[in-house]
Amino acid sequence: VLFRSVYHVDAFYIFGGINNYHNIARLDEVTQTWSLAGKLKNSRAAHGVIFDSSKFLVIGGSGNQKTENCALDGTVMTCTEQESPALYMYAYYPALFLTVDNYGDNC
């Protein structure tokens, strides 16, 4: 999979894709219409996306990629780069899971 999709509230959000694709597309569940929700700071393919109840984290992909933190305001998505983690070739099947803050402390 070269792009990633996440369902949130009443829409699907499609992040990135091939050929230097920076777009975040939005498919409205009710009207079945597409719109441009925002732009990633870097083009992405084969990455992962997860929603942590406040923001979307765009992680990994082909090449050397910094993590992006994307905030949704209404139907508009704004992304910023994070300094870490920057992942090299973390691509195609990145499995992302939310955990509690102290996960693994007693291992």
C-alpha atoms as a PDB file:
ATOM      1  CA  VAL A   1       0.000   0.000   0.000  1.00  0.00           C
ATOM      2  CA  LEU A   2       1.514   3.294  -1.062  1.00  0.00           C
ATOM      3  CA  PHE A   3      -0.967   5.561   0.705  1.00  0.00           C
ATOM      4  CA  ARG A   4      -2.686   5.266   4.083  1.00  0.00           C
ATOM      5  CA  SER A   5      -6.261   5.964   5.068  1.00  0.00           C
ATOM      6  CA  VAL A   6      -7.786   6.701   8.455  1.00  0.00           C
ATOM      7  CA  TYR A   7     -11.489   7.062   9.275  1.00  0.00           C
ATOM      8  CA  HIS A   8     -12.332   9.912  11.661  1.00  0.00           C
ATOM      9  CA  VAL A   9     -15.802  11.153  12.665  1.00  0.00           C
ATOM     10  CA  ASP A  10     -17.589  11.331   9.290  1.00  0.00           C
ATOM     11  CA  ALA A  11     -14.814  11.059   6.727  1.00  0.00           C
ATOM     12  CA  PHE A  12     -11.928   9.016   5.405  1.00  0.00           C
ATOM     13  CA  TYR A  13      -8.581  10.809   5.217  1.00  0.00           C
ATOM     14  CA  ILE A  14      -6.067   9.593   2.631  1.00  0.00           C
ATOM     15  CA  PHE A  15      -2.434  10.501   3.364  1.00  0.00           C
ATOM     16  CA  GLY A  16       0.214  10.637   0.628  1.00  0.00           C
ATOM     17  CA  GLY A  17       0.880   8.182  -2.160  1.00  0.00           C
ATOM     18  CA  ILE A  18       3.281   7.755  -5.061  1.00  0.00           C
ATOM     19  CA  ASN A  19       5.112  10.255  -7.277  1.00  0.00           C
ATOM     20  CA  ASN A  20       5.892  12.937  -4.685  1.00  0.00           C
ATOM     21  CA  TYR A  21       2.307  13.067  -3.454  1.00  0.00           C
ATOM     22  CA  HIS A  22       1.970  15.514  -0.547  1.00  0.00           C
ATOM     23  CA  ASN A  23      -1.815  15.712  -0.409  1.00  0.00           C
ATOM     24  CA  ILE A  24      -4.192  14.708   2.344  1.00  0.00           C
ATOM     25  CA  ALA A  25      -7.520  13.972   0.680  1.00  0.00           C
ATOM     26  CA  ARG A  26     -10.863  13.806   2.489  1.00  0.00           C
ATOM     27  CA  LEU A  27     -13.794  11.624   1.432  1.00  0.00           C
ATOM     28  CA  ASP A  28     -17.023  12.705   3.118  1.00  0.00           C
ATOM     29  CA  GLU A  29     -18.967   9.640   4.229  1.00  0.00           C
ATOM     30  CA  VAL A  30     -22.408  11.209   3.759  1.00  0.00           C
ATOM     31  CA  THR A  31     -22.034  13.182   0.531  1.00  0.00           C
ATOM     32  CA  GLN A  32     -19.429  10.847  -1.030  1.00  0.00           C
ATOM     33  CA  THR A  33     -17.452  13.895  -2.195  1.00  0.00           C
ATOM     34  CA  TRP A  34     -13.695  14.384  -2.214  1.00  0.00           C
ATOM     35  CA  SER A  35     -11.865  17.497  -1.037  1.00  0.00           C
ATOM     36  CA  LEU A  36      -8.301  18.524  -0.277  1.00  0.00           C
ATOM     37  CA  ALA A  37      -7.887  18.542   3.512  1.00  0.00           C
ATOM     38  CA  GLY A  38      -4.234  19.596   3.600  1.00  0.00           C
ATOM     39  CA  LYS A  39      -0.651  18.887   2.586  1.00  0.00           C
ATOM     40  CA  LEU A  40       2.075  16.814   4.173  1.00  0.00           C
ATOM     41  CA  LYS A  41       5.434  18.533   4.691  1.00  0.00           C
ATOM     42  CA  ASN A  42       7.103  15.680   2.780  1.00  0.00           C
ATOM     43  CA  SER A  43       5.837  13.356   0.088  1.00  0.00           C
ATOM     44  CA  ARG A  44       5.101   9.900   1.460  1.00  0.00           C
ATOM     45  CA  ALA A  45       4.680   6.399   0.146  1.00  0.00           C
ATOM     46  CA  ALA A  46       4.503   3.114   2.075  1.00  0.00           C
ATOM     47  CA  HIS A  47       4.142   4.902   5.427  1.00  0.00           C
ATOM     48  CA  GLY A  48       1.842   4.498   8.439  1.00  0.00           C
ATOM     49  CA  VAL A  49      -0.755   6.826   9.976  1.00  0.00           C
ATOM     50  CA  ILE A  50      -2.427   6.615  13.366  1.00  0.00           C
ATOM     51  CA  PHE A  51      -4.873   8.899  15.214  1.00  0.00           C
ATOM     52  CA  ASP A  52      -4.177   9.294  18.939  1.00  0.00           C
ATOM     53  CA  SER A  53      -7.463  11.082  19.824  1.00  0.00           C
ATOM     54  CA  SER A  54      -5.956  14.541  19.283  1.00  0.00           C
ATOM     55  CA  LYS A  55      -3.701  14.368  16.211  1.00  0.00           C
ATOM     56  CA  PHE A  56      -2.722  12.181  13.283  1.00  0.00           C
ATOM     57  CA  LEU A  57       0.852  10.881  13.330  1.00  0.00           C
ATOM     58  CA  VAL A  58       2.371  10.129   9.931  1.00  0.00           C
ATOM     59  CA  ILE A  59       5.283   7.743  10.455  1.00  0.00           C
ATOM     60  CA  GLY A  60       7.937   6.252   8.194  1.00  0.00           C
ATOM     61  CA  GLY A  61       7.788   5.531   4.493  1.00  0.00           C
ATOM     62  CA  SER A  62      10.289   5.036   1.708  1.00  0.00           C
ATOM     63  CA  GLY A  63      13.609   6.774   2.264  1.00  0.00           C
ATOM     64  CA  ASN A  64      14.604   8.744   5.347  1.00  0.00           C
ATOM     65  CA  GLN A  65      11.445  10.323   6.792  1.00  0.00           C
ATOM     66  CA  LYS A  66      10.760  12.476   9.839  1.00  0.00           C
ATOM     67  CA  THR A  67       7.505  11.888  11.674  1.00  0.00           C
ATOM     68  CA  GLU A  68       4.759  14.428  10.944  1.00  0.00           C
ATOM     69  CA  ASN A  69       2.161  15.586  13.415  1.00  0.00           C
ATOM     70  CA  CYS A  70      -1.103  16.607  11.696  1.00  0.00           C
ATOM     71  CA  ALA A  71      -3.887  18.498  13.450  1.00  0.00           C
ATOM     72  CA  LEU A  72      -7.446  18.632  12.173  1.00  0.00           C
ATOM     73  CA  ASP A  73      -9.449  21.853  12.529  1.00  0.00           C
ATOM     74  CA  GLY A  74     -12.907  21.281  11.073  1.00  0.00           C
ATOM     75  CA  THR A  75     -12.083  19.798   7.687  1.00  0.00           C
ATOM     76  CA  VAL A  76      -8.610  21.375   7.338  1.00  0.00           C
ATOM     77  CA  MET A  77      -5.466  19.417   8.228  1.00  0.00           C
ATOM     78  CA  THR A  78      -2.208  21.199   9.149  1.00  0.00           C
ATOM     79  CA  CYS A  79       1.008  19.208   9.508  1.00  0.00           C
ATOM     80  CA  THR A  80       4.338  19.943  11.193  1.00  0.00           C
ATOM     81  CA  GLU A  81       7.544  17.912  11.238  1.00  0.00           C
ATOM     82  CA  GLN A  82       8.841  16.437  14.454  1.00  0.00           C
ATOM     83  CA  GLU A  83      12.591  16.177  15.025  1.00  0.00           C
ATOM     84  CA  SER A  84      12.259  12.574  16.127  1.00  0.00           C
ATOM     85  CA  PRO A  85      11.785   9.889  15.332  1.00  0.00           C
ATOM     86  CA  ALA A  86      13.297  10.015  11.860  1.00  0.00           C
ATOM     87  CA  LEU A  87      13.090   6.538  10.376  1.00  0.00           C
ATOM     88  CA  TYR A  88      15.059   5.108   7.469  1.00  0.00           C
ATOM     89  CA  MET A  89      13.196   2.692   5.165  1.00  0.00           C
ATOM     90  CA  TYR A  90      10.439   2.033   7.712  1.00  0.00           C
ATOM     91  CA  ALA A  91       8.155   1.194   4.816  1.00  0.00           C
ATOM     92  CA  TYR A  92       5.278  -0.826   3.406  1.00  0.00           C
ATOM     93  CA  TYR A  93       3.960  -2.574   6.508  1.00  0.00           C
ATOM     94  CA  PRO A  94       4.563  -0.362   9.523  1.00  0.00           C
ATOM     95  CA  ALA A  95       2.252  -1.645  12.261  1.00  0.00           C
ATOM     96  CA  LEU A  96       1.179   1.158  14.593  1.00  0.00           C
ATOM     97  CA  PHE A  97      -0.558   0.622  17.933  1.00  0.00           C
ATOM     98  CA  LEU A  98      -1.571   3.037  20.684  1.00  0.00           C
ATOM     99  CA  THR A  99      -0.464   1.998  24.163  1.00  0.00           C
ATOM    100  CA  VAL A 100      -0.702   3.437  27.660  1.00  0.00           C
ATOM    101  CA  ASP A 101       2.198   5.638  28.799  1.00  0.00           C
ATOM    102  CA  ASN A 102       3.742   3.016  31.095  1.00  0.00           C
ATOM    103  CA  TYR A 103       3.409   0.106  28.657  1.00  0.00           C
ATOM    104  CA  GLY A 104       6.314  -2.282  29.108  1.00  0.00           C
ATOM    105  CA  ASP A 105       7.544  -0.865  32.432  1.00  0.00           C
ATOM    106  CA  ASN A 106       7.087  -4.224  34.180  1.00  0.00           C
ATOM    107  CA  CYS A 107       8.610  -6.436  31.492  1.00  0.00           C
END
